[in-house]
């Protein structure tokens, strides 16, 4: 039984990492924009796009949206 619990815990961690990947990339883009000295709005746009991407990935998983 402990192996089953460990497997489900690994699956949960993997799912969370996949779900947050767009947001993580948006944060990485924001940091890159700040370090390169570009306009801050570009980084904020990347962050917003990452958050929306995360919502889309979660919606696909739970089959939520207009096309379902």
PDB file of N, CA and C in Angstrom:
ATOM      1  N   UNK A   1       0.786  -1.212   0.000  1.00  0.00           N
ATOM      2  CA  UNK A   1       0.000   0.000   0.000  1.00  0.00           C
ATOM      3  C   UNK A   1       0.829   1.279   0.000  1.00  0.00           C
ATOM      4  N   UNK A   2       1.957   1.337   0.696  1.00  0.00           N
ATOM      5  CA  UNK A   2       2.732   2.586   0.675  1.00  0.00           C
ATOM      6  C   UNK A   2       3.200   2.959  -0.726  1.00  0.00           C
ATOM      7  N   UNK A   3       3.467   1.943  -1.581  1.00  0.00           N
ATOM      8  CA  UNK A   3       3.895   2.242  -2.939  1.00  0.00           C
ATOM      9  C   UNK A   3       2.790   2.953  -3.719  1.00  0.00           C
ATOM     10  N   UNK A   4       1.533   2.541  -3.508  1.00  0.00           N
ATOM     11  CA  UNK A   4       0.421   3.184  -4.201  1.00  0.00           C
ATOM     12  C   UNK A   4       0.288   4.644  -3.803  1.00  0.00           C
ATOM     13  N   UNK A   5       0.457   4.920  -2.535  1.00  0.00           N
ATOM     14  CA  UNK A   5       0.366   6.290  -2.053  1.00  0.00           C
ATOM     15  C   UNK A   5       1.490   7.132  -2.638  1.00  0.00           C
ATOM     16  N   UNK A   6       2.678   6.576  -2.712  1.00  0.00           N
ATOM     17  CA  UNK A   6       3.821   7.302  -3.258  1.00  0.00           C
ATOM     18  C   UNK A   6       3.627   7.577  -4.745  1.00  0.00           C
ATOM     19  N   UNK A   7       3.053   6.606  -5.473  1.00  0.00           N
ATOM     20  CA  UNK A   7       2.811   6.786  -6.897  1.00  0.00           C
ATOM     21  C   UNK A   7       1.779   7.883  -7.141  1.00  0.00           C
ATOM     22  N   UNK A   8       0.715   7.892  -6.365  1.00  0.00           N
ATOM     23  CA  UNK A   8      -0.307   8.929  -6.554  1.00  0.00           C
ATOM     24  C   UNK A   8       0.236  10.301  -6.174  1.00  0.00           C
ATOM     25  N   UNK A   9       1.117  10.336  -5.184  1.00  0.00           N
ATOM     26  CA  UNK A   9       1.729  11.612  -4.796  1.00  0.00           C
ATOM     27  C   UNK A   9       2.648  12.118  -5.910  1.00  0.00           C
ATOM     28  N   UNK A  10       3.394  11.225  -6.529  1.00  0.00           N
ATOM     29  CA  UNK A  10       4.250  11.619  -7.646  1.00  0.00           C
ATOM     30  C   UNK A  10       3.411  12.120  -8.813  1.00  0.00           C
ATOM     31  N   UNK A  11       2.306  11.444  -9.072  1.00  0.00           N
ATOM     32  CA  UNK A  11       1.427  11.868 -10.167  1.00  0.00           C
ATOM     33  C   UNK A  11       0.860  13.259  -9.887  1.00  0.00           C
ATOM     34  N   UNK A  12       0.493  13.524  -8.652  1.00  0.00           N
ATOM     35  CA  UNK A  12      -0.047  14.826  -8.279  1.00  0.00           C
ATOM     36  C   UNK A  12       1.006  15.922  -8.475  1.00  0.00           C
ATOM     37  N   UNK A  13       2.246  15.651  -8.052  1.00  0.00           N
ATOM     38  CA  UNK A  13       3.326  16.633  -8.214  1.00  0.00           C
ATOM     39  C   UNK A  13       3.584  16.864  -9.700  1.00  0.00           C
ATOM     40  N   UNK A  14       3.594  15.805 -10.488  1.00  0.00           N
ATOM     41  CA  UNK A  14       3.811  15.929 -11.935  1.00  0.00           C
ATOM     42  C   UNK A  14       2.708  16.762 -12.578  1.00  0.00           C
ATOM     43  N   UNK A  15       1.470  16.515 -12.172  1.00  0.00           N
ATOM     44  CA  UNK A  15       0.343  17.263 -12.728  1.00  0.00           C
ATOM     45  C   UNK A  15       0.444  18.740 -12.389  1.00  0.00           C
ATOM     46  N   UNK A  16       0.802  19.063 -11.153  1.00  0.00           N
ATOM     47  CA  UNK A  16       0.941  20.466 -10.737  1.00  0.00           C
ATOM     48  C   UNK A  16       2.053  21.142 -11.535  1.00  0.00           C
ATOM     49  N   UNK A  17       3.177  20.436 -11.746  1.00  0.00           N
ATOM     50  CA  UNK A  17       4.271  21.024 -12.519  1.00  0.00           C
ATOM     51  C   UNK A  17       3.856  21.291 -13.958  1.00  0.00           C
ATOM     52  N   UNK A  18       3.090  20.391 -14.548  1.00  0.00           N
ATOM     53  CA  UNK A  18       2.623  20.598 -15.924  1.00  0.00           C
ATOM     54  C   UNK A  18       1.627  21.756 -15.968  1.00  0.00           C
ATOM     55  N   UNK A  19       0.732  21.820 -14.999  1.00  0.00           N
ATOM     56  CA  UNK A  19      -0.273  22.885 -14.983  1.00  0.00           C
ATOM     57  C   UNK A  19       0.362  24.255 -14.839  1.00  0.00           C
ATOM     58  N   UNK A  20       1.413  24.362 -14.068  1.00  0.00           N
ATOM     59  CA  UNK A  20       2.012  25.677 -13.811  1.00  0.00           C
ATOM     60  C   UNK A  20       3.120  26.034 -14.797  1.00  0.00           C
ATOM     61  N   UNK A  21       3.413  25.177 -15.750  1.00  0.00           N
ATOM     62  CA  UNK A  21       4.484  25.447 -16.705  1.00  0.00           C
ATOM     63  C   UNK A  21       4.290  26.766 -17.464  1.00  0.00           C
ATOM     64  N   UNK A  22       3.087  27.076 -18.000  1.00  0.00           N
ATOM     65  CA  UNK A  22       2.944  28.370 -18.692  1.00  0.00           C
ATOM     66  C   UNK A  22       3.181  29.573 -17.770  1.00  0.00           C
ATOM     67  N   UNK A  23       2.719  29.480 -16.538  1.00  0.00           N
ATOM     68  CA  UNK A  23       2.933  30.575 -15.588  1.00  0.00           C
ATOM     69  C   UNK A  23       4.415  30.711 -15.255  1.00  0.00           C
ATOM     70  N   UNK A  24       5.089  29.578 -15.095  1.00  0.00           N
ATOM     71  CA  UNK A  24       6.531  29.619 -14.824  1.00  0.00           C
ATOM     72  C   UNK A  24       7.287  30.263 -15.981  1.00  0.00           C
ATOM     73  N   UNK A  25       6.897  29.940 -17.203  1.00  0.00           N
ATOM     74  CA  UNK A  25       7.546  30.544 -18.365  1.00  0.00           C
ATOM     75  C   UNK A  25       7.244  32.042 -18.442  1.00  0.00           C
ATOM     76  N   UNK A  26       6.036  32.448 -18.039  1.00  0.00           N
ATOM     77  CA  UNK A  26       5.709  33.870 -17.989  1.00  0.00           C
ATOM     78  C   UNK A  26       6.558  34.614 -16.970  1.00  0.00           C
ATOM     79  N   UNK A  27       6.773  33.990 -15.818  1.00  0.00           N
ATOM     80  CA  UNK A  27       7.644  34.601 -14.804  1.00  0.00           C
ATOM     81  C   UNK A  27       9.078  34.690 -15.307  1.00  0.00           C
ATOM     82  N   UNK A  28       9.535  33.652 -15.980  1.00  0.00           N
ATOM     83  CA  UNK A  28      10.872  33.668 -16.548  1.00  0.00           C
ATOM     84  C   UNK A  28      11.005  34.774 -17.599  1.00  0.00           C
ATOM     85  N   UNK A  29       9.957  34.952 -18.399  1.00  0.00           N
ATOM     86  CA  UNK A  29       9.961  36.030 -19.383  1.00  0.00           C
ATOM     87  C   UNK A  29       9.995  37.397 -18.727  1.00  0.00           C
ATOM     88  N   UNK A  30       9.250  37.563 -17.636  1.00  0.00           N
ATOM     89  CA  UNK A  30       9.255  38.836 -16.905  1.00  0.00           C
ATOM     90  C   UNK A  30      10.647  39.144 -16.370  1.00  0.00           C
ATOM     91  N   UNK A  31      11.301  38.152 -15.805  1.00  0.00           N
ATOM     92  CA  UNK A  31      12.660  38.346 -15.288  1.00  0.00           C
ATOM     93  C   UNK A  31      13.616  38.697 -16.424  1.00  0.00           C
ATOM     94  N   UNK A  32      13.475  38.014 -17.562  1.00  0.00           N
ATOM     95  CA  UNK A  32      14.352  38.297 -18.711  1.00  0.00           C
ATOM     96  C   UNK A  32      14.143  39.719 -19.215  1.00  0.00           C
ATOM     97  N   UNK A  33      12.888  40.158 -19.258  1.00  0.00           N
ATOM     98  CA  UNK A  33      12.588  41.519 -19.711  1.00  0.00           C
ATOM     99  C   UNK A  33      13.211  42.540 -18.771  1.00  0.00           C
ATOM    100  N   UNK A  34      13.115  42.298 -17.482  1.00  0.00           N
ATOM    101  CA  UNK A  34      13.690  43.227 -16.508  1.00  0.00           C
ATOM    102  C   UNK A  34      15.212  43.264 -16.647  1.00  0.00           C
ATOM    103  N   UNK A  35      15.828  42.087 -16.800  1.00  0.00           N
ATOM    104  CA  UNK A  35      17.289  42.038 -16.910  1.00  0.00           C
ATOM    105  C   UNK A  35      17.791  42.672 -18.199  1.00  0.00           C
ATOM    106  N   UNK A  36      17.024  42.578 -19.284  1.00  0.00           N
ATOM    107  CA  UNK A  36      17.464  43.141 -20.561  1.00  0.00           C
ATOM    108  C   UNK A  36      17.132  44.615 -20.685  1.00  0.00           C
ATOM    109  N   UNK A  37      16.339  45.139 -19.758  1.00  0.00           N
ATOM    110  CA  UNK A  37      16.029  46.561 -19.762  1.00  0.00           C
ATOM    111  C   UNK A  37      14.941  46.951 -20.751  1.00  0.00           C
ATOM    112  N   UNK A  38      14.122  45.995 -21.167  1.00  0.00           N
ATOM    113  CA  UNK A  38      13.039  46.314 -22.079  1.00  0.00           C
ATOM    114  C   UNK A  38      11.899  46.973 -21.305  1.00  0.00           C
ATOM    115  N   UNK A  39      10.859  47.360 -22.036  1.00  0.00           N
ATOM    116  CA  UNK A  39       9.693  47.955 -21.392  1.00  0.00           C
ATOM    117  C   UNK A  39       9.053  46.938 -20.449  1.00  0.00           C
ATOM    118  N   UNK A  40       8.681  47.392 -19.264  1.00  0.00           N
ATOM    119  CA  UNK A  40       8.105  46.503 -18.261  1.00  0.00           C
ATOM    120  C   UNK A  40       6.782  45.910 -18.720  1.00  0.00           C
ATOM    121  N   UNK A  41       6.049  46.641 -19.551  1.00  0.00           N
ATOM    122  CA  UNK A  41       4.751  46.140 -20.023  1.00  0.00           C
ATOM    123  C   UNK A  41       4.898  44.850 -20.820  1.00  0.00           C
ATOM    124  N   UNK A  42       6.026  44.678 -21.491  1.00  0.00           N
ATOM    125  CA  UNK A  42       6.267  43.437 -22.225  1.00  0.00           C
ATOM    126  C   UNK A  42       6.306  42.256 -21.256  1.00  0.00           C
ATOM    127  N   UNK A  43       7.014  42.408 -20.171  1.00  0.00           N
ATOM    128  CA  UNK A  43       7.094  41.346 -19.162  1.00  0.00           C
ATOM    129  C   UNK A  43       5.765  41.088 -18.495  1.00  0.00           C
ATOM    130  N   UNK A  44       5.014  42.153 -18.228  1.00  0.00           N
ATOM    131  CA  UNK A  44       3.702  41.982 -17.611  1.00  0.00           C
ATOM    132  C   UNK A  44       2.771  41.251 -18.574  1.00  0.00           C
ATOM    133  N   UNK A  45       2.885  41.561 -19.857  1.00  0.00           N
ATOM    134  CA  UNK A  45       2.086  40.851 -20.860  1.00  0.00           C
ATOM    135  C   UNK A  45       2.430  39.367 -20.911  1.00  0.00           C
ATOM    136  N   UNK A  46       3.713  39.057 -20.815  1.00  0.00           N
ATOM    137  CA  UNK A  46       4.126  37.645 -20.788  1.00  0.00           C
ATOM    138  C   UNK A  46       3.592  36.939 -19.550  1.00  0.00           C
ATOM    139  N   UNK A  47       3.599  37.632 -18.434  1.00  0.00           N
ATOM    140  CA  UNK A  47       3.083  37.051 -17.197  1.00  0.00           C
ATOM    141  C   UNK A  47       1.582  36.795 -17.297  1.00  0.00           C
ATOM    142  N   UNK A  48       0.846  37.737 -17.842  1.00  0.00           N
ATOM    143  CA  UNK A  48      -0.605  37.561 -18.017  1.00  0.00           C
ATOM    144  C   UNK A  48      -0.885  36.416 -18.991  1.00  0.00           C
ATOM    145  N   UNK A  49      -0.118  36.349 -20.074  1.00  0.00           N
ATOM    146  CA  UNK A  49      -0.297  35.255 -21.031  1.00  0.00           C
ATOM    147  C   UNK A  49      -0.005  33.906 -20.375  1.00  0.00           C
ATOM    148  N   UNK A  50       0.990  33.852 -19.513  1.00  0.00           N
ATOM    149  CA  UNK A  50       1.290  32.614 -18.798  1.00  0.00           C
ATOM    150  C   UNK A  50       0.179  32.212 -17.854  1.00  0.00           C
ATOM    151  N   UNK A  51      -0.413  33.192 -17.161  1.00  0.00           N
ATOM    152  CA  UNK A  51      -1.526  32.886 -16.255  1.00  0.00           C
ATOM    153  C   UNK A  51      -2.732  32.374 -17.042  1.00  0.00           C
ATOM    154  N   UNK A  52      -3.018  32.998 -18.165  1.00  0.00           N
ATOM    155  CA  UNK A  52      -4.129  32.523 -18.990  1.00  0.00           C
ATOM    156  C   UNK A  52      -3.846  31.137 -19.571  1.00  0.00           C
ATOM    157  N   UNK A  53      -2.599  30.889 -19.926  1.00  0.00           N
ATOM    158  CA  UNK A  53      -2.223  29.565 -20.408  1.00  0.00           C
ATOM    159  C   UNK A  53      -2.411  28.501 -19.343  1.00  0.00           C
ATOM    160  N   UNK A  54      -2.083  28.835 -18.107  1.00  0.00           N
ATOM    161  CA  UNK A  54      -2.294  27.900 -17.003  1.00  0.00           C
ATOM    162  C   UNK A  54      -3.776  27.601 -16.829  1.00  0.00           C
ATOM    163  N   UNK A  55      -4.603  28.625 -16.909  1.00  0.00           N
ATOM    164  CA  UNK A  55      -6.048  28.403 -16.809  1.00  0.00           C
ATOM    165  C   UNK A  55      -6.557  27.524 -17.948  1.00  0.00           C
ATOM    166  N   UNK A  56      -6.012  27.699 -19.133  1.00  0.00           N
ATOM    167  CA  UNK A  56      -6.429  26.883 -20.270  1.00  0.00           C
ATOM    168  C   UNK A  56      -6.023  25.420 -20.074  1.00  0.00           C
ATOM    169  N   UNK A  57      -4.826  25.183 -19.558  1.00  0.00           N
ATOM    170  CA  UNK A  57      -4.377  23.808 -19.338  1.00  0.00           C
ATOM    171  C   UNK A  57      -5.247  23.123 -18.292  1.00  0.00           C
ATOM    172  N   UNK A  58      -5.564  23.819 -17.216  1.00  0.00           N
ATOM    173  CA  UNK A  58      -6.424  23.247 -16.180  1.00  0.00           C
ATOM    174  C   UNK A  58      -7.824  23.011 -16.728  1.00  0.00           C
ATOM    175  N   UNK A  59      -8.337  23.943 -17.527  1.00  0.00           N
ATOM    176  CA  UNK A  59      -9.657  23.769 -18.133  1.00  0.00           C
ATOM    177  C   UNK A  59      -9.700  22.579 -19.071  1.00  0.00           C
ATOM    178  N   UNK A  60      -8.626  22.351 -19.822  1.00  0.00           N
ATOM    179  CA  UNK A  60      -8.562  21.182 -20.695  1.00  0.00           C
ATOM    180  C   UNK A  60      -8.607  19.900 -19.881  1.00  0.00           C
ATOM    181  N   UNK A  61      -7.920  19.888 -18.746  1.00  0.00           N
ATOM    182  CA  UNK A  61      -7.886  18.683 -17.922  1.00  0.00           C
ATOM    183  C   UNK A  61      -9.265  18.347 -17.368  1.00  0.00           C
ATOM    184  N   UNK A  62      -9.976  19.359 -16.882  1.00  0.00           N
ATOM    185  CA  UNK A  62     -11.292  19.136 -16.295  1.00  0.00           C
ATOM    186  C   UNK A  62     -12.422  19.255 -17.309  1.00  0.00           C
ATOM    187  N   UNK A  63     -12.084  19.427 -18.590  1.00  0.00           N
ATOM    188  CA  UNK A  63     -13.054  19.536 -19.677  1.00  0.00           C
ATOM    189  C   UNK A  63     -14.068  20.648 -19.421  1.00  0.00           C
ATOM    190  N   UNK A  64     -13.515  21.838 -19.125  1.00  0.00           N
ATOM    191  CA  UNK A  64     -14.328  23.018 -18.878  1.00  0.00           C
ATOM    192  C   UNK A  64     -14.092  23.974 -20.041  1.00  0.00           C
ATOM    193  N   UNK A  65     -15.137  24.549 -20.582  1.00  0.00           N
ATOM    194  CA  UNK A  65     -14.978  25.523 -21.646  1.00  0.00           C
ATOM    195  C   UNK A  65     -16.087  25.427 -22.662  1.00  0.00           C
ATOM    196  N   UNK A  66     -16.080  26.347 -23.595  1.00  0.00           N
ATOM    197  CA  UNK A  66     -17.174  26.402 -24.565  1.00  0.00           C
ATOM    198  C   UNK A  66     -17.175  25.242 -25.543  1.00  0.00           C
ATOM    199  N   UNK A  67     -16.042  24.596 -25.764  1.00  0.00           N
ATOM    200  CA  UNK A  67     -15.990  23.523 -26.733  1.00  0.00           C
ATOM    201  C   UNK A  67     -16.235  22.153 -26.112  1.00  0.00           C
ATOM    202  N   UNK A  68     -16.614  22.114 -24.874  1.00  0.00           N
ATOM    203  CA  UNK A  68     -16.850  20.811 -24.200  1.00  0.00           C
ATOM    204  C   UNK A  68     -18.304  20.552 -24.022  1.00  0.00           C
TER     205      UNK A  68
END
